[in-house]
């Protein structure tokens, strides 16, 4: 079977939709840092829809940590398949908006030179929460992060996303080139403002004048992104081969739904994102907060309780009436009252999410969502908890989510099997758990002292501590599903 390339796509006889523009005329206008599955299922598809009318917005992607994306896509002319899957079947489309993929480990200077090129008007990011080298509990740059320490000591050879961005902005400033717009597409609270704070602070540590330049001249529009993108499996690759007649080393599987809300602040211009279905707004915060607290908060809750309850996939977990009732209640009773949007809009969004979670064709693993929980909890759950505590409102379901994370990071499941906990703090969390044993109060107290996750106000809140410990005690004694069933 032929490998997916521009030539093989032109003669493909399978069920695949190609792009409609002349790719040889597309030129780069965007550099994207962190070219993982989500970007290729989301922003790259929006850009692909636009290139037929404006060919100046091609994407050059960069992998900051591993070369695997480059190794998969380079032999394919950087083409890849997006397989949209629901209960009715799978539809395949080849995306051509990514013109090149750079490996920052071996091509860092080329990446920075590309970002310094005046043709690049947007630098976008999906580097996950941990890629910002910040303290998730405060949203501030962590000056003691090893990558930040390295970059401050080696400013011309940075390894972190903030360091690479600032180095490129410095070169543009020296050359008299206007700065690019920095567009975060990660699930951070107020992702535009958070990224601005992190990048400008790093620039200030490098040089106070450079920090002032970033604050005064660089745009950081906020975004809300939404599309469920499970990890690609070998079975997915086989299905794509069968449907398209082409061998794609790294296709992307996703759901039909996609959403992108973007603050319209691009001083150097932007693609006509709205023509591809994006929503351009003055303030993205209400949409972002809705998504973080309803979708992402529910996802993390299902990940920990579902995994502990024996469910491999989200669709299996939400099909359990116990978990379905819990998630419905978490969104309706605890998350929605904290959101500044019309109740009817929130109810529609809730019902849409429950339908999406139940998509049996989308094999989204609970273990995958459970990764990097120490980075995700402050954004997805703790902000909602803090808002409700300030108003004297209940937090039963949200606190159960936190307790389930605490139970999960012990690294031992309910059958006594090891859990492969993927988290930047995994070793530290496991050491706390091992020292506490099955003493719920000692375990919770130890984990609450992890300042990277829990801020001082939550650690000191007696209501929060009491409810979390009670849930954790029951999780250890009775298991995830029995504990969830007890909440009404």
Protein backbone atom coordinates (compact mmCIF):
# COMPACT_ATOMS: atom_id res chain seq x y z
CA UNK A 1 0.00 0.00 0.00
CA UNK A 2 1.47 3.41 -0.94
CA UNK A 3 2.54 5.85 1.76
CA UNK A 4 0.48 9.02 1.96
CA UNK A 5 2.24 11.76 -0.04
CA UNK A 6 1.14 14.54 -2.36
CA UNK A 7 1.70 12.24 -5.34
CA UNK A 8 -0.11 9.21 -3.91
CA UNK A 9 -3.03 11.36 -2.75
CA UNK A 10 -3.55 12.64 -6.28
CA UNK A 11 -4.09 9.08 -7.51
CA UNK A 12 -5.84 7.68 -4.44
CA UNK A 13 -8.99 5.68 -5.15
CA UNK A 14 -10.17 5.26 -1.55
CA UNK A 15 -12.71 7.18 0.47
CA UNK A 16 -10.72 10.31 1.20
CA UNK A 17 -11.24 14.04 0.69
CA UNK A 18 -8.17 16.02 -0.33
CA UNK A 19 -7.51 19.75 -0.09
CA UNK A 20 -8.87 22.08 -2.78
CA UNK A 21 -6.00 24.58 -3.14
CA UNK A 22 -2.66 24.57 -4.98
CA UNK A 23 -0.30 23.70 -2.14
CA UNK A 24 2.75 24.83 -4.11
CA UNK A 25 1.50 28.42 -3.76
CA UNK A 26 1.04 28.28 0.03
CA UNK A 27 3.60 30.24 2.05
CA UNK A 28 4.16 30.26 5.82
CA UNK A 29 2.41 32.84 7.97
CA UNK A 30 2.09 30.88 11.22
CA UNK A 31 4.60 29.00 13.38
CA UNK A 32 2.98 26.57 15.79
CA UNK A 33 4.82 25.34 18.89
CA UNK A 34 3.75 21.91 20.15
CA UNK A 35 2.43 20.28 17.01
CA UNK A 36 0.56 17.43 18.65
CA UNK A 37 -2.68 15.66 17.87
CA UNK A 38 -4.96 18.41 19.11
CA UNK A 39 -3.48 21.12 16.91
CA UNK A 40 -3.65 18.86 13.88
CA UNK A 41 -7.32 18.12 14.57
CA UNK A 42 -8.25 21.71 15.35
CA UNK A 43 -6.40 24.87 14.28
CA UNK A 44 -4.66 23.21 11.32
CA UNK A 45 -8.08 22.17 9.97
CA UNK A 46 -9.47 25.71 10.28
CA UNK A 47 -6.42 27.05 8.43
CA UNK A 48 -6.77 24.34 5.78
CA UNK A 49 -10.29 25.62 5.09
CA UNK A 50 -8.95 29.13 4.50
CA UNK A 51 -5.96 28.50 2.24
CA UNK A 52 -8.04 28.33 -0.94
CA UNK A 53 -8.79 32.04 -0.58
CA UNK A 54 -5.60 33.22 1.17
CA UNK A 55 -2.47 31.15 0.62
CA UNK A 56 -0.22 33.27 2.87
CA UNK A 57 -1.14 31.48 6.10
CA UNK A 58 0.55 28.10 5.85
CA UNK A 59 1.80 26.58 9.11
CA UNK A 60 5.31 25.54 10.10
CA UNK A 61 5.02 23.29 13.12
CA UNK A 62 7.60 22.59 15.79
CA UNK A 63 7.96 19.74 18.25
CA UNK A 64 9.67 21.05 21.37
CA UNK A 65 10.40 17.73 23.09
CA UNK A 66 10.26 14.69 20.81
CA UNK A 67 11.00 14.17 17.11
CA UNK A 68 8.21 11.64 16.57
CA UNK A 69 5.79 14.00 14.79
CA UNK A 70 8.48 15.14 12.37
CA UNK A 71 9.60 11.56 11.77
CA UNK A 72 6.02 10.52 10.97
CA UNK A 73 5.04 13.46 8.77
CA UNK A 74 8.22 14.43 6.92
CA UNK A 75 8.14 11.37 4.60
CA UNK A 76 4.49 12.24 3.86
CA UNK A 77 5.14 15.81 2.64
CA UNK A 78 3.70 16.78 6.06
CA UNK A 79 0.27 15.54 4.97
CA UNK A 80 -1.93 13.58 7.36
CA UNK A 81 -5.46 12.24 7.62
CA UNK A 82 -8.15 13.53 9.94
CA UNK A 83 -10.67 10.72 10.53
CA UNK A 84 -13.94 12.10 11.88
CA UNK A 85 -15.77 9.35 13.68
CA UNK A 86 -19.25 8.91 15.12
CA UNK A 87 -21.80 6.13 15.42
CA UNK A 88 -22.61 6.36 11.68
CA UNK A 89 -19.04 5.72 10.56
CA UNK A 90 -15.73 7.39 9.75
CA UNK A 91 -15.05 10.13 7.18
CA UNK A 92 -11.45 10.79 6.12
CA UNK A 93 -9.89 14.06 5.01
CA UNK A 94 -6.25 14.88 4.23
CA UNK A 95 -4.94 18.17 5.63
CA UNK A 96 -2.27 20.14 3.78
CA UNK A 97 -1.96 23.33 5.85
CA UNK A 98 1.22 22.18 7.64
CA UNK A 99 4.13 22.88 5.30
CA UNK A 100 7.00 21.69 7.48
CA UNK A 101 7.67 20.23 10.93
CA UNK A 102 10.82 21.17 12.82
CA UNK A 103 12.40 19.26 15.70
CA UNK A 104 13.46 21.91 18.20
CA UNK A 105 16.04 19.58 19.70
CA UNK A 106 18.08 19.53 16.48
CA UNK A 107 16.68 22.54 14.57
CA UNK A 108 16.25 25.12 17.32
CA UNK A 109 18.11 27.93 15.58
CA UNK A 110 16.22 27.33 12.35
CA UNK A 111 12.96 27.48 14.33
CA UNK A 112 13.91 30.78 15.96
CA UNK A 113 15.02 32.22 12.61
CA UNK A 114 11.70 31.21 11.10
CA UNK A 115 9.83 32.93 13.94
CA UNK A 116 11.94 36.05 13.40
CA UNK A 117 11.01 36.16 9.70
CA UNK A 118 8.65 39.10 8.94
CA UNK A 119 6.38 36.72 7.00
CA UNK A 120 5.43 35.04 10.29
CA UNK A 121 2.63 37.06 11.83
CA UNK A 122 1.26 34.55 14.34
CA UNK A 123 3.03 32.14 16.70
CA UNK A 124 0.51 29.75 18.21
CA UNK A 125 0.92 27.18 20.98
CA UNK A 126 -0.47 23.88 22.19
CA UNK A 127 2.28 22.90 24.61
CA UNK A 128 -0.08 21.69 27.41
CA UNK A 129 -0.20 23.27 30.84
CA UNK A 130 3.27 22.12 31.82
CA UNK A 131 4.87 23.68 28.74
CA UNK A 132 4.37 27.18 30.13
CA UNK A 133 6.88 26.62 32.94
CA UNK A 134 4.56 28.31 35.39
CA UNK A 135 3.00 27.68 38.76
CA UNK A 136 -0.52 26.40 37.96
CA UNK A 137 -1.78 27.49 41.37
CA UNK A 138 -0.90 31.15 40.70
CA UNK A 139 -0.55 31.39 36.92
CA UNK A 140 2.87 33.06 37.31
CA UNK A 141 6.16 32.12 35.65
CA UNK A 142 8.21 29.75 37.80
CA UNK A 143 11.71 31.28 37.74
CA UNK A 144 13.11 28.12 39.36
CA UNK A 145 11.79 25.80 36.63
CA UNK A 146 14.84 23.98 35.19
CA UNK A 147 14.06 25.09 31.63
CA UNK A 148 13.67 28.72 32.69
CA UNK A 149 16.93 28.57 34.65
CA UNK A 150 18.61 27.16 31.54
CA UNK A 151 17.13 29.77 29.22
CA UNK A 152 18.08 32.69 31.43
CA UNK A 153 21.63 31.38 31.44
CA UNK A 154 21.64 30.57 27.70
CA UNK A 155 19.37 33.18 26.10
CA UNK A 156 20.51 32.43 22.54
CA UNK A 157 19.81 28.71 22.89
CA UNK A 158 16.47 28.43 24.74
CA UNK A 159 14.59 25.18 25.27
CA UNK A 160 11.28 26.38 26.78
CA UNK A 161 8.32 27.82 24.91
CA UNK A 162 8.61 31.18 26.75
CA UNK A 163 12.34 31.26 26.06
CA UNK A 164 11.98 30.50 22.36
CA UNK A 165 9.23 33.10 21.94
CA UNK A 166 11.21 35.81 23.70
CA UNK A 167 14.38 35.06 21.74
CA UNK A 168 12.48 35.41 18.46
CA UNK A 169 10.80 38.62 19.63
CA UNK A 170 14.20 39.98 20.63
CA UNK A 171 15.61 39.28 17.16
CA UNK A 172 12.61 40.92 15.48
CA UNK A 173 12.98 43.98 17.69
CA UNK A 174 16.69 44.28 16.85
CA UNK A 175 15.87 44.03 13.13
CA UNK A 176 13.07 46.60 13.32
CA UNK A 177 10.41 43.97 12.56
CA UNK A 178 7.02 44.26 14.24
CA UNK A 179 6.30 41.48 16.78
CA UNK A 180 4.14 38.51 15.88
CA UNK A 181 0.91 37.81 17.73
CA UNK A 182 1.18 35.04 20.35
CA UNK A 183 -1.90 32.81 20.24
CA UNK A 184 -2.29 30.25 23.03
CA UNK A 185 -4.66 27.40 22.24
CA UNK A 186 -4.11 25.56 25.53
CA UNK A 187 -6.57 24.96 28.35
CA UNK A 188 -5.32 27.64 30.71
CA UNK A 189 -7.56 30.05 32.57
CA UNK A 190 -7.50 33.37 30.70
CA UNK A 191 -4.95 31.76 28.39
CA UNK A 192 -4.14 34.98 26.54
CA UNK A 193 -3.54 37.03 29.68
CA UNK A 194 -1.74 34.14 31.39
CA UNK A 195 0.60 33.68 28.43
CA UNK A 196 1.21 37.43 28.28
CA UNK A 197 2.13 37.47 31.97
CA UNK A 198 4.49 34.50 31.64
CA UNK A 199 6.23 35.68 28.46
CA UNK A 200 6.59 39.31 29.54
CA UNK A 201 7.96 38.25 32.93
CA UNK A 202 10.53 35.98 31.28
CA UNK A 203 11.49 38.83 28.93
CA UNK A 204 11.81 41.16 31.92
CA UNK A 205 14.15 38.73 33.66
CA UNK A 206 16.22 38.68 30.50
CA UNK A 207 16.21 42.47 30.11
CA UNK A 208 13.82 45.01 31.68
CA UNK A 209 13.61 46.96 28.40
CA UNK A 210 12.74 43.79 26.51
CA UNK A 211 10.04 43.02 29.08
CA UNK A 212 8.56 46.48 28.57
CA UNK A 213 8.65 45.97 24.79
CA UNK A 214 6.69 42.73 25.13
CA UNK A 215 4.13 44.31 27.46
CA UNK A 216 3.63 47.33 25.21
CA UNK A 217 3.74 45.79 21.75
CA UNK A 218 2.92 42.07 21.69
CA UNK A 219 -0.69 40.91 21.35
CA UNK A 220 -1.85 37.83 23.26
CA UNK A 221 -5.49 37.19 22.26
CA UNK A 222 -7.41 34.72 24.38
CA UNK A 223 -8.99 31.61 22.88
CA UNK A 224 -11.36 28.81 23.74
CA UNK A 225 -10.72 25.56 21.87
CA UNK A 226 -12.87 22.46 21.94
CA UNK A 227 -12.59 19.15 20.16
CA UNK A 228 -12.11 15.69 21.65
CA UNK A 229 -9.00 14.03 20.20
CA UNK A 230 -8.09 10.58 21.56
CA UNK A 231 -4.62 9.14 21.13
CA UNK A 232 -4.19 7.37 17.79
CA UNK A 233 -4.01 3.58 17.99
CA UNK A 234 -2.78 0.92 15.58
CA UNK A 235 -6.43 -0.04 15.01
CA UNK A 236 -7.09 3.56 13.93
CA UNK A 237 -4.21 3.37 11.46
CA UNK A 238 -5.59 0.15 10.02
CA UNK A 239 -9.05 1.67 9.58
CA UNK A 240 -7.60 4.71 7.80
CA UNK A 241 -5.57 2.44 5.51
CA UNK A 242 -8.67 0.42 4.65
CA UNK A 243 -10.78 3.52 3.93
CA UNK A 244 -8.24 5.60 2.02
CA UNK A 245 -5.98 3.02 0.40
CA UNK A 246 -3.01 4.99 1.76
CA UNK A 247 -0.58 4.26 4.57
CA UNK A 248 -0.57 7.21 7.01
CA UNK A 249 1.97 6.90 9.83
CA UNK A 250 0.05 9.24 12.12
CA UNK A 251 -3.58 9.92 11.29
CA UNK A 252 -5.75 11.84 13.74
CA UNK A 253 -9.08 10.51 14.98
CA UNK A 254 -11.62 12.97 16.31
CA UNK A 255 -15.31 13.78 16.72
CA UNK A 256 -17.54 15.79 14.34
CA UNK A 257 -17.87 18.65 16.85
CA UNK A 258 -15.32 21.45 16.79
CA UNK A 259 -15.39 24.90 18.35
CA UNK A 260 -12.98 27.82 18.38
CA UNK A 261 -13.69 31.17 20.02
CA UNK A 262 -10.97 33.80 19.48
CA UNK A 263 -10.47 37.35 20.70
CA UNK A 264 -10.07 39.50 17.59
CA UNK A 265 -6.77 41.23 18.36
CA UNK A 266 -4.13 40.58 15.67
CA UNK A 267 -2.08 43.73 14.93
CA UNK A 268 -0.15 42.05 12.10
CA UNK A 269 -3.25 40.52 10.52
CA UNK A 270 -4.83 37.10 10.67
CA UNK A 271 -6.51 34.51 8.47
CA UNK A 272 -10.27 34.84 8.01
CA UNK A 273 -10.87 32.33 10.81
CA UNK A 274 -14.57 33.20 10.85
CA UNK A 275 -14.90 31.92 7.27
CA UNK A 276 -13.92 28.48 8.58
CA UNK A 277 -16.43 28.56 11.43
CA UNK A 278 -14.46 30.20 14.25
CA UNK A 279 -16.23 32.75 16.41
CA UNK A 280 -14.39 36.09 16.74
CA UNK A 281 -15.28 37.97 19.93
CA UNK A 282 -14.14 40.91 22.03
CA UNK A 283 -13.84 38.82 25.21
CA UNK A 284 -13.36 35.06 25.24
CA UNK A 285 -13.40 34.64 29.03
CA UNK A 286 -17.07 33.57 29.45
CA UNK A 287 -16.67 30.87 26.77
CA UNK A 288 -13.34 29.70 28.14
CA UNK A 289 -14.65 29.51 31.68
CA UNK A 290 -17.67 27.53 30.49
CA UNK A 291 -15.49 25.02 28.72
CA UNK A 292 -12.91 24.67 31.51
CA UNK A 293 -15.50 24.17 34.22
CA UNK A 294 -18.02 22.06 32.33
CA UNK A 295 -16.13 20.02 29.74
CA UNK A 296 -12.64 19.86 31.22
CA UNK A 297 -13.84 19.57 34.81
CA UNK A 298 -16.19 16.76 33.84
CA UNK A 299 -13.47 15.05 31.82
CA UNK A 300 -11.08 14.98 34.76
CA UNK A 301 -13.81 13.72 37.06
CA UNK A 302 -14.67 10.90 34.66
CA UNK A 303 -10.99 10.12 34.15
CA UNK A 304 -10.23 9.45 37.81
CA UNK A 305 -13.52 7.92 38.90
CA UNK A 306 -13.92 6.04 35.62
CA UNK A 307 -10.42 4.59 35.69
CA UNK A 308 -10.77 3.56 39.34
CA UNK A 309 -14.19 2.11 38.55
CA UNK A 310 -12.73 -0.11 35.84
CA UNK A 311 -13.69 1.86 32.73
CA UNK A 312 -11.09 2.21 29.99
CA UNK A 313 -12.99 4.72 27.85
CA UNK A 314 -15.05 7.85 28.53
CA UNK A 315 -18.02 6.48 26.59
CA UNK A 316 -18.07 3.44 28.90
CA UNK A 317 -17.84 5.60 32.00
CA UNK A 318 -20.65 7.98 31.03
CA UNK A 319 -22.85 5.00 30.10
CA UNK A 320 -22.78 3.96 33.77
CA UNK A 321 -25.90 5.57 35.34
CA UNK A 322 -23.93 6.36 38.50
CA UNK A 323 -21.27 8.37 36.69
CA UNK A 324 -23.80 9.92 34.30
CA UNK A 325 -25.84 11.20 37.24
CA UNK A 326 -22.73 12.52 38.97
CA UNK A 327 -21.48 14.38 35.87
CA UNK A 328 -24.91 15.81 35.12
CA UNK A 329 -25.12 17.03 38.71
CA UNK A 330 -21.59 18.41 38.72
CA UNK A 331 -22.30 20.54 35.67
CA UNK A 332 -25.85 21.56 36.62
CA UNK A 333 -25.64 22.06 40.35
CA UNK A 334 -22.03 23.11 40.92
CA UNK A 335 -20.37 24.41 37.72
CA UNK A 336 -23.18 26.22 35.90
CA UNK A 337 -24.12 28.57 38.78
CA UNK A 338 -20.56 29.98 38.69
CA UNK A 339 -20.73 30.91 35.00
CA UNK A 340 -21.77 34.35 33.66
CA UNK A 341 -23.83 33.06 30.75
CA UNK A 342 -27.56 32.55 30.15
CA UNK A 343 -28.91 29.43 31.84
CA UNK A 344 -30.50 28.19 28.62
CA UNK A 345 -27.15 28.38 26.80
CA UNK A 346 -25.45 26.46 29.59
CA UNK A 347 -28.12 23.76 29.58
CA UNK A 348 -27.73 23.29 25.82
CA UNK A 349 -23.97 23.06 26.24
CA UNK A 350 -24.36 20.51 29.06
CA UNK A 351 -26.65 18.31 27.00
CA UNK A 352 -24.32 18.58 24.02
CA UNK A 353 -21.37 17.52 26.18
CA UNK A 354 -23.19 14.49 27.57
CA UNK A 355 -24.00 13.41 24.01
CA UNK A 356 -20.39 13.89 22.93
CA UNK A 357 -19.04 11.96 25.92
CA UNK A 358 -21.30 9.05 24.97
CA UNK A 359 -19.98 8.77 21.38
CA UNK A 360 -19.13 5.03 21.25
CA UNK A 361 -16.94 5.43 18.18
CA UNK A 362 -14.53 7.77 19.95
CA UNK A 363 -12.16 5.67 22.05
CA UNK A 364 -11.02 8.37 24.47
CA UNK A 365 -9.12 6.66 27.27
CA UNK A 366 -9.67 7.69 30.85
CA UNK A 367 -5.96 7.06 31.48
CA UNK A 368 -5.04 9.58 28.77
CA UNK A 369 -7.23 12.31 30.28
CA UNK A 370 -5.85 11.53 33.75
CA UNK A 371 -2.33 12.55 32.70
CA UNK A 372 -0.73 15.64 34.25
CA UNK A 373 -3.44 16.05 36.86
CA UNK A 374 -1.26 18.24 39.07
CA UNK A 375 -1.19 20.75 36.20
CA UNK A 376 -4.87 20.43 35.30
CA UNK A 377 -6.67 20.51 38.66
CA UNK A 378 -6.08 24.21 39.41
CA UNK A 379 -7.69 25.21 36.11
CA UNK A 380 -10.39 22.59 35.78
CA UNK A 381 -11.68 22.17 39.31
CA UNK A 382 -10.10 24.33 41.99
CA UNK A 383 -11.25 27.67 40.59
CA UNK A 384 -14.85 26.47 40.63
CA UNK A 385 -14.42 25.18 44.16
CA UNK A 386 -12.93 28.47 45.31
CA UNK A 387 -15.82 30.48 43.83
CA UNK A 388 -18.42 28.28 45.50
CA UNK A 389 -16.68 28.32 48.88
CA UNK A 390 -16.56 32.11 48.82
CA UNK A 391 -20.35 32.13 48.45
CA UNK A 392 -20.94 29.43 51.05
CA UNK A 393 -22.17 26.97 48.41
CA UNK A 394 -21.78 23.19 48.39
CA UNK A 395 -18.86 21.42 46.71
CA UNK A 396 -19.75 17.74 47.15
CA UNK A 397 -19.19 16.63 43.55
CA UNK A 398 -16.22 18.88 42.89
CA UNK A 399 -14.55 17.75 46.11
CA UNK A 400 -15.12 14.14 45.07
CA UNK A 401 -13.22 14.89 41.85
CA UNK A 402 -10.27 16.16 43.89
CA UNK A 403 -10.44 13.16 46.24
CA UNK A 404 -10.55 10.81 43.22
CA UNK A 405 -7.36 12.42 41.90
CA UNK A 406 -5.76 11.87 45.30
CA UNK A 407 -6.83 8.24 45.22
CA UNK A 408 -5.54 7.83 41.66
CA UNK A 409 -2.06 9.23 42.32
CA UNK A 410 -1.44 6.64 45.02
CA UNK A 411 -0.51 4.53 41.99
CA UNK A 412 -2.49 1.45 43.09
CA UNK A 413 -5.95 0.72 41.68
CA UNK A 414 -8.89 -0.89 43.44
CA UNK A 415 -7.71 -4.38 42.46
CA UNK A 416 -4.21 -3.77 43.81
CA UNK A 417 -2.66 -3.28 40.38
CA UNK A 418 -0.12 -0.56 39.59
CA UNK A 419 -1.39 2.60 37.88
CA UNK A 420 0.99 4.17 35.37
CA UNK A 421 0.62 7.72 36.70
CA UNK A 422 1.92 10.22 34.13
CA UNK A 423 2.50 13.52 35.90
CA UNK A 424 5.44 15.92 36.33
CA UNK A 425 5.11 15.42 40.10
CA UNK A 426 4.40 11.67 39.97
CA UNK A 427 7.36 10.56 42.10
CA UNK A 428 6.67 13.19 44.75
CA UNK A 429 2.96 12.39 44.86
CA UNK A 430 3.67 8.67 45.14
CA UNK A 431 6.11 9.27 48.00
CA UNK A 432 3.42 11.17 49.90
CA UNK A 433 0.95 8.37 49.23
CA UNK A 434 3.36 5.66 50.31
CA UNK A 435 4.07 7.48 53.57
CA UNK A 436 0.36 7.91 54.28
CA UNK A 437 -0.72 4.37 53.45
CA UNK A 438 -4.51 4.06 53.60
CA UNK A 439 -4.90 6.83 56.17
CA UNK A 440 -7.22 9.23 54.32
CA UNK A 441 -6.57 12.22 56.52
CA UNK A 442 -2.81 11.82 56.34
CA UNK A 443 -2.92 11.28 52.58
CA UNK A 444 -5.13 14.29 51.93
CA UNK A 445 -3.10 16.49 54.27
CA UNK A 446 0.13 15.51 52.55
CA UNK A 447 -1.21 16.15 49.06
CA UNK A 448 -2.81 19.44 50.06
CA UNK A 449 0.65 20.67 51.00
CA UNK A 450 1.75 20.39 47.34
CA UNK A 451 1.79 24.12 46.68
CA UNK A 452 2.09 23.66 42.92
CA UNK A 453 -1.48 22.37 43.00
CA UNK A 454 -3.23 23.83 46.06
CA UNK A 455 -2.94 27.48 47.01
CA UNK A 456 -2.77 28.53 50.66
CA UNK A 457 -6.42 29.60 50.85
CA UNK A 458 -7.69 26.16 49.86
CA UNK A 459 -5.22 24.35 52.10
CA UNK A 460 -6.52 26.37 55.05
CA UNK A 461 -10.22 26.11 54.24
CA UNK A 462 -11.85 23.78 56.81
CA UNK A 463 -14.88 23.01 54.63
CA UNK A 464 -12.74 21.99 51.67
CA UNK A 465 -10.45 19.83 53.78
CA UNK A 466 -13.34 18.14 55.60
CA UNK A 467 -15.31 17.26 52.47
CA UNK A 468 -12.26 16.04 50.54
CA UNK A 469 -11.07 13.84 53.43
CA UNK A 470 -14.54 12.35 53.87
CA UNK A 471 -14.72 11.44 50.18
CA UNK A 472 -11.18 10.08 50.16
CA UNK A 473 -11.89 7.92 53.18
CA UNK A 474 -14.89 6.41 51.41
CA UNK A 475 -13.00 5.94 48.13
CA UNK A 476 -10.34 3.95 49.97
CA UNK A 477 -12.90 1.87 51.84
CA UNK A 478 -15.72 1.34 49.32
CA UNK A 479 -14.37 2.21 45.87
CA UNK A 480 -15.15 4.83 43.25
CA UNK A 481 -18.60 3.79 42.10
CA UNK A 482 -20.00 3.23 45.58
CA UNK A 483 -18.71 6.65 46.62
CA UNK A 484 -20.21 8.34 43.56
CA UNK A 485 -23.54 6.57 44.10
CA UNK A 486 -23.83 8.07 47.58
CA UNK A 487 -23.90 11.65 46.24
CA UNK A 488 -27.32 13.09 45.51
